[in-house]
Amino acid sequence: MQSGPRPGLLLCLIQFMDFALPSDDSDKKNKGGIMSKHILLIQGHPDSSQHHLCHALEEAYANGARAAGHEIRHLNVATLDFPLLRSQHEWEKGALPPGLAGAQEAITWAEHMVFLFPLWLGDMPALLKGFLEQVARPGFAFSGERNAFTKKGLGGRSARVVVTMGMPAAVYRWYFRAHSIKSLERNILGFVGIAPVNETLIGGVGNLAQKDAAKWLSRLEKLGAHGG
């Protein structure tokens, strides 16, 4: 005679604990039965004067997400007005540039963030790095104490990093160990509590055939629909 709860019943209890919160969450489910999310798309390509692959990928993701019932906001770093930080004192004690107040509000609103950018000199473009340095300030992204026990200010949010590059993605991932992406995931996003962080690496973009580009756009649209 088997004692204890049956596996099927236990699974149902776990699912209830995870998703049946005391609220009107049932109203937040999208057409596929997935919980709808607040999704912030952060476009990190520094050139807003032309339509690049990163912009097309952003649009594809947004189209899939909206069609599935998710709420979407866009943040284009290239169009924001902010200076680069030049000292630790300015970062810790200086005022947030007025042009970034809306960015912090959007990050607070978001449940899931998607960062899109090209790989430049093995890393994210300097403008995107400067943006993250400005918005991830003490008191907003984490408590003032910077140590292993720092209180993370942006917990409860997930992210996806979408990166385009000239080299094959497999070379960057396995030979170069995706070092700069891992640094972003661990030392910036993870440090402030954003987890899990998934990644989509798109290589060979300089010679990307139209059919291959279409496959990536379709893949991003599906990721948007799932809010992942």
C-alpha atoms as a PDB file:
ATOM      1  CA  MET A   1       0.000   0.000   0.000  1.00  0.00           C
ATOM      2  CA  GLN A   2       1.609   3.278  -1.090  1.00  0.00           C
ATOM      3  CA  SER A   3       1.719   5.975   1.569  1.00  0.00           C
ATOM      4  CA  GLY A   4       1.922   9.718   1.114  1.00  0.00           C
ATOM      5  CA  PRO A   5       0.560  11.866  -1.704  1.00  0.00           C
ATOM      6  CA  ARG A   6       0.452  10.401  -5.202  1.00  0.00           C
ATOM      7  CA  PRO A   7       3.008  11.840  -7.702  1.00  0.00           C
ATOM      8  CA  GLY A   8       0.226  13.320  -9.840  1.00  0.00           C
ATOM      9  CA  LEU A   9      -1.343  15.008  -6.825  1.00  0.00           C
ATOM     10  CA  LEU A  10       2.050  16.295  -5.664  1.00  0.00           C
ATOM     11  CA  LEU A  11       2.739  17.794  -9.092  1.00  0.00           C
ATOM     12  CA  CYS A  12      -0.632  19.533  -9.030  1.00  0.00           C
ATOM     13  CA  LEU A  13       0.135  20.963  -5.597  1.00  0.00           C
ATOM     14  CA  ILE A  14       3.496  22.263  -6.786  1.00  0.00           C
ATOM     15  CA  GLN A  15       1.921  23.871  -9.827  1.00  0.00           C
ATOM     16  CA  PHE A  16      -0.752  25.415  -7.615  1.00  0.00           C
ATOM     17  CA  MET A  17       1.882  26.851  -5.279  1.00  0.00           C
ATOM     18  CA  ASP A  18       3.834  28.311  -8.206  1.00  0.00           C
ATOM     19  CA  PHE A  19       1.044  29.825 -10.228  1.00  0.00           C
ATOM     20  CA  ALA A  20      -2.241  30.021  -8.277  1.00  0.00           C
ATOM     21  CA  LEU A  21      -1.357  33.143  -6.326  1.00  0.00           C
ATOM     22  CA  PRO A  22      -4.081  34.977  -4.428  1.00  0.00           C
ATOM     23  CA  SER A  23      -4.852  37.466  -7.178  1.00  0.00           C
ATOM     24  CA  ASP A  24      -6.578  37.683 -10.543  1.00  0.00           C
ATOM     25  CA  ASP A  25      -3.625  36.006 -12.313  1.00  0.00           C
ATOM     26  CA  SER A  26      -6.054  34.013 -14.448  1.00  0.00           C
ATOM     27  CA  ASP A  27      -6.812  37.260 -16.255  1.00  0.00           C
ATOM     28  CA  LYS A  28      -3.110  37.608 -17.144  1.00  0.00           C
ATOM     29  CA  LYS A  29      -2.879  34.397 -19.152  1.00  0.00           C
ATOM     30  CA  ASN A  30      -2.346  34.914 -22.858  1.00  0.00           C
ATOM     31  CA  LYS A  31      -3.850  33.010 -25.759  1.00  0.00           C
ATOM     32  CA  GLY A  32      -1.487  30.073 -25.314  1.00  0.00           C
ATOM     33  CA  GLY A  33      -2.224  29.739 -21.604  1.00  0.00           C
ATOM     34  CA  ILE A  34       1.112  31.383 -20.692  1.00  0.00           C
ATOM     35  CA  MET A  35       1.138  34.094 -18.071  1.00  0.00           C
ATOM     36  CA  SER A  36       1.324  37.469 -19.820  1.00  0.00           C
ATOM     37  CA  LYS A  37       4.342  39.573 -18.903  1.00  0.00           C
ATOM     38  CA  HIS A  38       5.565  43.130 -18.893  1.00  0.00           C
ATOM     39  CA  ILE A  39       8.446  42.922 -21.371  1.00  0.00           C
ATOM     40  CA  LEU A  40      10.999  45.678 -21.910  1.00  0.00           C
ATOM     41  CA  LEU A  41      13.024  45.553 -25.133  1.00  0.00           C
ATOM     42  CA  ILE A  42      16.323  47.395 -24.704  1.00  0.00           C
ATOM     43  CA  GLN A  43      17.857  48.165 -28.084  1.00  0.00           C
ATOM     44  CA  GLY A  44      21.606  48.552 -27.614  1.00  0.00           C
ATOM     45  CA  HIS A  45      22.735  49.213 -31.180  1.00  0.00           C
ATOM     46  CA  PRO A  46      24.404  52.655 -31.105  1.00  0.00           C
ATOM     47  CA  ASP A  47      23.346  53.574 -34.660  1.00  0.00           C
ATOM     48  CA  SER A  48      19.706  54.632 -34.887  1.00  0.00           C
ATOM     49  CA  SER A  49      20.140  56.286 -38.283  1.00  0.00           C
ATOM     50  CA  GLN A  50      19.857  52.954 -40.129  1.00  0.00           C
ATOM     51  CA  HIS A  51      17.761  49.818 -39.771  1.00  0.00           C
ATOM     52  CA  HIS A  52      20.108  47.052 -38.647  1.00  0.00           C
ATOM     53  CA  LEU A  53      19.541  43.378 -37.970  1.00  0.00           C
ATOM     54  CA  CYS A  54      19.247  44.141 -34.252  1.00  0.00           C
ATOM     55  CA  HIS A  55      16.287  46.391 -34.999  1.00  0.00           C
ATOM     56  CA  ALA A  56      14.607  43.736 -37.142  1.00  0.00           C
ATOM     57  CA  LEU A  57      15.108  41.164 -34.387  1.00  0.00           C
ATOM     58  CA  GLU A  58      13.564  43.562 -31.870  1.00  0.00           C
ATOM     59  CA  GLU A  59      10.521  44.059 -34.100  1.00  0.00           C
ATOM     60  CA  ALA A  60      10.108  40.313 -34.613  1.00  0.00           C
ATOM     61  CA  TYR A  61      10.228  39.634 -30.880  1.00  0.00           C
ATOM     62  CA  ALA A  62       7.761  42.464 -30.194  1.00  0.00           C
ATOM     63  CA  ASN A  63       5.339  41.208 -32.858  1.00  0.00           C
ATOM     64  CA  GLY A  64       5.289  37.725 -31.362  1.00  0.00           C
ATOM     65  CA  ALA A  65       4.916  39.041 -27.824  1.00  0.00           C
ATOM     66  CA  ARG A  66       2.052  41.407 -28.632  1.00  0.00           C
ATOM     67  CA  ALA A  67       0.198  38.753 -30.606  1.00  0.00           C
ATOM     68  CA  ALA A  68       0.431  36.455 -27.591  1.00  0.00           C
ATOM     69  CA  GLY A  69      -0.949  39.083 -25.206  1.00  0.00           C
ATOM     70  CA  HIS A  70       2.210  40.343 -23.511  1.00  0.00           C
ATOM     71  CA  GLU A  71       2.637  44.047 -22.739  1.00  0.00           C
ATOM     72  CA  ILE A  72       5.634  45.595 -24.517  1.00  0.00           C
ATOM     73  CA  ARG A  73       7.754  48.673 -24.044  1.00  0.00           C
ATOM     74  CA  HIS A  74      10.781  49.741 -26.090  1.00  0.00           C
ATOM     75  CA  LEU A  75      13.929  51.515 -24.931  1.00  0.00           C
ATOM     76  CA  ASN A  76      16.352  52.678 -27.622  1.00  0.00           C
ATOM     77  CA  VAL A  77      19.665  53.538 -25.957  1.00  0.00           C
ATOM     78  CA  ALA A  78      20.931  55.393 -29.038  1.00  0.00           C
ATOM     79  CA  THR A  79      18.193  58.009 -28.682  1.00  0.00           C
ATOM     80  CA  LEU A  80      18.694  58.696 -24.956  1.00  0.00           C
ATOM     81  CA  ASP A  81      20.539  61.776 -23.726  1.00  0.00           C
ATOM     82  CA  PHE A  82      23.084  60.977 -21.021  1.00  0.00           C
ATOM     83  CA  PRO A  83      26.799  61.539 -20.347  1.00  0.00           C
ATOM     84  CA  LEU A  84      29.334  58.846 -19.531  1.00  0.00           C
ATOM     85  CA  LEU A  85      30.267  58.441 -15.885  1.00  0.00           C
ATOM     86  CA  ARG A  86      33.804  59.541 -15.064  1.00  0.00           C
ATOM     87  CA  SER A  87      34.217  58.861 -11.344  1.00  0.00           C
ATOM     88  CA  GLN A  88      33.064  56.572  -8.568  1.00  0.00           C
ATOM     89  CA  HIS A  89      31.817  59.590  -6.602  1.00  0.00           C
ATOM     90  CA  GLU A  90      29.633  60.670  -9.519  1.00  0.00           C
ATOM     91  CA  TRP A  91      28.180  57.171  -9.759  1.00  0.00           C
ATOM     92  CA  GLU A  92      27.477  56.866  -6.034  1.00  0.00           C
ATOM     93  CA  LYS A  93      26.502  60.441  -5.135  1.00  0.00           C
ATOM     94  CA  GLY A  94      25.623  62.164  -8.408  1.00  0.00           C
ATOM     95  CA  ALA A  95      22.098  62.684  -9.664  1.00  0.00           C
ATOM     96  CA  LEU A  96      20.653  60.438 -12.339  1.00  0.00           C
ATOM     97  CA  PRO A  97      20.630  62.309 -15.678  1.00  0.00           C
ATOM     98  CA  PRO A  98      17.061  63.529 -16.384  1.00  0.00           C
ATOM     99  CA  GLY A  99      17.082  61.690 -19.701  1.00  0.00           C
ATOM    100  CA  LEU A 100      17.291  58.338 -17.896  1.00  0.00           C
ATOM    101  CA  ALA A 101      14.465  58.745 -15.401  1.00  0.00           C
ATOM    102  CA  GLY A 102      12.081  57.081 -17.847  1.00  0.00           C
ATOM    103  CA  ALA A 103      14.542  54.238 -18.349  1.00  0.00           C
ATOM    104  CA  GLN A 104      14.642  53.420 -14.651  1.00  0.00           C
ATOM    105  CA  GLU A 105      10.842  53.576 -14.519  1.00  0.00           C
ATOM    106  CA  ALA A 106      10.595  51.165 -17.451  1.00  0.00           C
ATOM    107  CA  ILE A 107      13.036  48.752 -15.787  1.00  0.00           C
ATOM    108  CA  THR A 108      10.968  48.871 -12.604  1.00  0.00           C
ATOM    109  CA  TRP A 109       7.832  48.128 -14.655  1.00  0.00           C
ATOM    110  CA  ALA A 110       9.406  45.184 -16.493  1.00  0.00           C
ATOM    111  CA  GLU A 111       9.105  41.545 -15.504  1.00  0.00           C
ATOM    112  CA  HIS A 112      11.309  40.390 -18.374  1.00  0.00           C
ATOM    113  CA  MET A 113      13.960  42.324 -20.292  1.00  0.00           C
ATOM    114  CA  VAL A 114      15.485  41.636 -23.688  1.00  0.00           C
ATOM    115  CA  PHE A 115      18.845  43.229 -24.486  1.00  0.00           C
ATOM    116  CA  LEU A 116      19.763  43.370 -28.184  1.00  0.00           C
ATOM    117  CA  PHE A 117      23.165  44.551 -29.410  1.00  0.00           C
ATOM    118  CA  PRO A 118      26.004  43.796 -31.833  1.00  0.00           C
ATOM    119  CA  LEU A 119      29.313  42.444 -30.574  1.00  0.00           C
ATOM    120  CA  TRP A 120      31.961  45.157 -31.014  1.00  0.00           C
ATOM    121  CA  LEU A 121      35.604  44.385 -30.214  1.00  0.00           C
ATOM    122  CA  GLY A 122      34.430  41.310 -28.342  1.00  0.00           C
ATOM    123  CA  ASP A 123      32.022  43.166 -26.078  1.00  0.00           C
ATOM    124  CA  MET A 124      28.830  45.214 -25.941  1.00  0.00           C
ATOM    125  CA  PRO A 125      29.079  48.677 -27.561  1.00  0.00           C
ATOM    126  CA  ALA A 126      30.418  51.403 -25.269  1.00  0.00           C
ATOM    127  CA  LEU A 127      27.146  53.326 -25.394  1.00  0.00           C
ATOM    128  CA  LEU A 128      25.200  50.390 -23.953  1.00  0.00           C
ATOM    129  CA  LYS A 129      27.839  49.876 -21.255  1.00  0.00           C
ATOM    130  CA  GLY A 130      27.607  53.567 -20.387  1.00  0.00           C
ATOM    131  CA  PHE A 131      23.838  53.288 -20.164  1.00  0.00           C
ATOM    132  CA  LEU A 132      24.031  50.336 -17.770  1.00  0.00           C
ATOM    133  CA  GLU A 133      26.574  52.154 -15.607  1.00  0.00           C
ATOM    134  CA  GLN A 134      24.221  55.110 -15.331  1.00  0.00           C
ATOM    135  CA  VAL A 135      20.991  53.284 -14.544  1.00  0.00           C
ATOM    136  CA  ALA A 136      22.433  50.543 -12.293  1.00  0.00           C
ATOM    137  CA  ARG A 137      23.146  52.938  -9.446  1.00  0.00           C
ATOM    138  CA  PRO A 138      23.258  52.244  -5.701  1.00  0.00           C
ATOM    139  CA  GLY A 139      19.837  52.685  -4.178  1.00  0.00           C
ATOM    140  CA  PHE A 140      18.089  51.561  -7.345  1.00  0.00           C
ATOM    141  CA  ALA A 141      19.744  48.423  -8.688  1.00  0.00           C
ATOM    142  CA  PHE A 142      21.176  47.319  -5.340  1.00  0.00           C
ATOM    143  CA  SER A 143      21.794  48.543  -1.801  1.00  0.00           C
ATOM    144  CA  GLY A 144      24.714  50.844  -1.117  1.00  0.00           C
ATOM    145  CA  GLU A 145      26.966  48.070   0.192  1.00  0.00           C
ATOM    146  CA  ARG A 146      28.797  46.331  -2.661  1.00  0.00           C
ATOM    147  CA  ASN A 147      29.667  42.893  -1.333  1.00  0.00           C
ATOM    148  CA  ALA A 148      28.548  39.287  -1.640  1.00  0.00           C
ATOM    149  CA  PHE A 149      25.567  39.988   0.606  1.00  0.00           C
ATOM    150  CA  THR A 150      24.377  43.075  -1.233  1.00  0.00           C
ATOM    151  CA  LYS A 151      20.599  43.412  -1.360  1.00  0.00           C
ATOM    152  CA  LYS A 152      19.638  43.056  -4.997  1.00  0.00           C
ATOM    153  CA  GLY A 153      17.211  45.728  -6.120  1.00  0.00           C
ATOM    154  CA  LEU A 154      15.960  44.132  -9.356  1.00  0.00           C
ATOM    155  CA  GLY A 155      15.123  40.626  -8.208  1.00  0.00           C
ATOM    156  CA  GLY A 156      12.086  38.883  -9.627  1.00  0.00           C
ATOM    157  CA  ARG A 157      12.985  39.793 -13.202  1.00  0.00           C
ATOM    158  CA  SER A 158      14.350  37.604 -15.965  1.00  0.00           C
ATOM    159  CA  ALA A 159      16.233  38.550 -19.134  1.00  0.00           C
ATOM    160  CA  ARG A 160      17.370  37.427 -22.543  1.00  0.00           C
ATOM    161  CA  VAL A 161      20.516  38.692 -24.257  1.00  0.00           C
ATOM    162  CA  VAL A 162      20.392  38.717 -28.068  1.00  0.00           C
ATOM    163  CA  VAL A 163      23.797  39.353 -29.649  1.00  0.00           C
ATOM    164  CA  THR A 164      24.783  39.574 -33.317  1.00  0.00           C
ATOM    165  CA  MET A 165      28.387  39.086 -34.439  1.00  0.00           C
ATOM    166  CA  GLY A 166      30.553  38.607 -37.496  1.00  0.00           C
ATOM    167  CA  MET A 167      32.300  35.445 -36.332  1.00  0.00           C
ATOM    168  CA  PRO A 168      30.478  32.106 -36.091  1.00  0.00           C
ATOM    169  CA  ALA A 169      28.526  31.958 -32.846  1.00  0.00           C
ATOM    170  CA  ALA A 170      30.054  28.569 -32.010  1.00  0.00           C
ATOM    171  CA  VAL A 171      33.553  30.070 -32.163  1.00  0.00           C
ATOM    172  CA  TYR A 172      32.571  32.858 -29.806  1.00  0.00           C
ATOM    173  CA  ARG A 173      30.789  30.495 -27.421  1.00  0.00           C
ATOM    174  CA  TRP A 174      33.336  27.688 -27.267  1.00  0.00           C
ATOM    175  CA  TYR A 175      36.716  29.193 -28.246  1.00  0.00           C
ATOM    176  CA  PHE A 176      36.295  32.615 -26.630  1.00  0.00           C
ATOM    177  CA  ARG A 177      33.973  31.169 -23.975  1.00  0.00           C
ATOM    178  CA  ALA A 178      31.466  33.990 -24.589  1.00  0.00           C
ATOM    179  CA  HIS A 179      33.496  35.910 -22.014  1.00  0.00           C
ATOM    180  CA  SER A 180      31.845  39.309 -22.383  1.00  0.00           C
ATOM    181  CA  ILE A 181      28.324  37.873 -22.367  1.00  0.00           C
ATOM    182  CA  LYS A 182      29.106  35.855 -19.250  1.00  0.00           C
ATOM    183  CA  SER A 183      30.440  39.027 -17.637  1.00  0.00           C
ATOM    184  CA  LEU A 184      27.202  40.864 -18.465  1.00  0.00           C
ATOM    185  CA  GLU A 185      25.095  38.013 -17.135  1.00  0.00           C
ATOM    186  CA  ARG A 186      27.078  37.473 -13.934  1.00  0.00           C
ATOM    187  CA  ASN A 187      28.641  40.820 -13.023  1.00  0.00           C
ATOM    188  CA  ILE A 188      25.848  43.182 -14.039  1.00  0.00           C
ATOM    189  CA  LEU A 189      22.493  41.448 -14.459  1.00  0.00           C
ATOM    190  CA  GLY A 190      23.066  38.746 -11.866  1.00  0.00           C
ATOM    191  CA  PHE A 191      24.603  41.202  -9.415  1.00  0.00           C
ATOM    192  CA  VAL A 192      21.392  43.236  -9.295  1.00  0.00           C
ATOM    193  CA  GLY A 193      19.150  40.167  -9.040  1.00  0.00           C
ATOM    194  CA  ILE A 194      18.055  39.575 -12.641  1.00  0.00           C
ATOM    195  CA  ALA A 195      17.759  35.827 -13.205  1.00  0.00           C
ATOM    196  CA  PRO A 196      17.530  33.617 -15.089  1.00  0.00           C
ATOM    197  CA  VAL A 197      19.331  35.143 -18.057  1.00  0.00           C
ATOM    198  CA  ASN A 198      19.162  33.287 -21.362  1.00  0.00           C
ATOM    199  CA  GLU A 199      21.080  34.123 -24.502  1.00  0.00           C
ATOM    200  CA  THR A 200      20.636  34.032 -28.252  1.00  0.00           C
ATOM    201  CA  LEU A 201      23.884  34.345 -30.201  1.00  0.00           C
ATOM    202  CA  ILE A 202      23.643  35.023 -33.947  1.00  0.00           C
ATOM    203  CA  GLY A 203      26.910  34.656 -35.844  1.00  0.00           C
ATOM    204  CA  GLY A 204      28.090  35.253 -39.383  1.00  0.00           C
ATOM    205  CA  VAL A 205      25.825  38.264 -39.825  1.00  0.00           C
ATOM    206  CA  GLY A 206      28.115  39.846 -42.415  1.00  0.00           C
ATOM    207  CA  ASN A 207      27.250  37.051 -44.840  1.00  0.00           C
ATOM    208  CA  LEU A 208      23.824  36.101 -43.548  1.00  0.00           C
ATOM    209  CA  ALA A 209      21.618  34.817 -46.355  1.00  0.00           C
ATOM    210  CA  GLN A 210      18.077  36.122 -46.574  1.00  0.00           C
ATOM    211  CA  LYS A 211      16.592  32.715 -45.760  1.00  0.00           C
ATOM    212  CA  ASP A 212      18.798  32.425 -42.683  1.00  0.00           C
ATOM    213  CA  ALA A 213      17.839  35.903 -41.562  1.00  0.00           C
ATOM    214  CA  ALA A 214      14.179  34.925 -41.961  1.00  0.00           C
ATOM    215  CA  LYS A 215      14.761  31.872 -39.745  1.00  0.00           C
ATOM    216  CA  TRP A 216      16.232  34.038 -36.996  1.00  0.00           C
ATOM    217  CA  LEU A 217      13.375  36.504 -37.224  1.00  0.00           C
ATOM    218  CA  SER A 218      10.910  33.634 -36.939  1.00  0.00           C
ATOM    219  CA  ARG A 219      12.800  32.281 -33.943  1.00  0.00           C
ATOM    220  CA  LEU A 220      12.713  35.659 -32.195  1.00  0.00           C
ATOM    221  CA  GLU A 221       9.001  35.972 -32.899  1.00  0.00           C
ATOM    222  CA  LYS A 222       8.418  32.610 -31.218  1.00  0.00           C
ATOM    223  CA  LEU A 223      10.544  33.632 -28.233  1.00  0.00           C
ATOM    224  CA  GLY A 224       8.429  36.769 -27.967  1.00  0.00           C
ATOM    225  CA  ALA A 225       5.236  34.744 -27.976  1.00  0.00           C
ATOM    226  CA  HIS A 226       6.542  32.695 -25.052  1.00  0.00           C
ATOM    227  CA  GLY A 227       7.847  35.778 -23.272  1.00  0.00           C
ATOM    228  CA  GLY A 228      11.261  34.212 -22.893  1.00  0.00           C
END
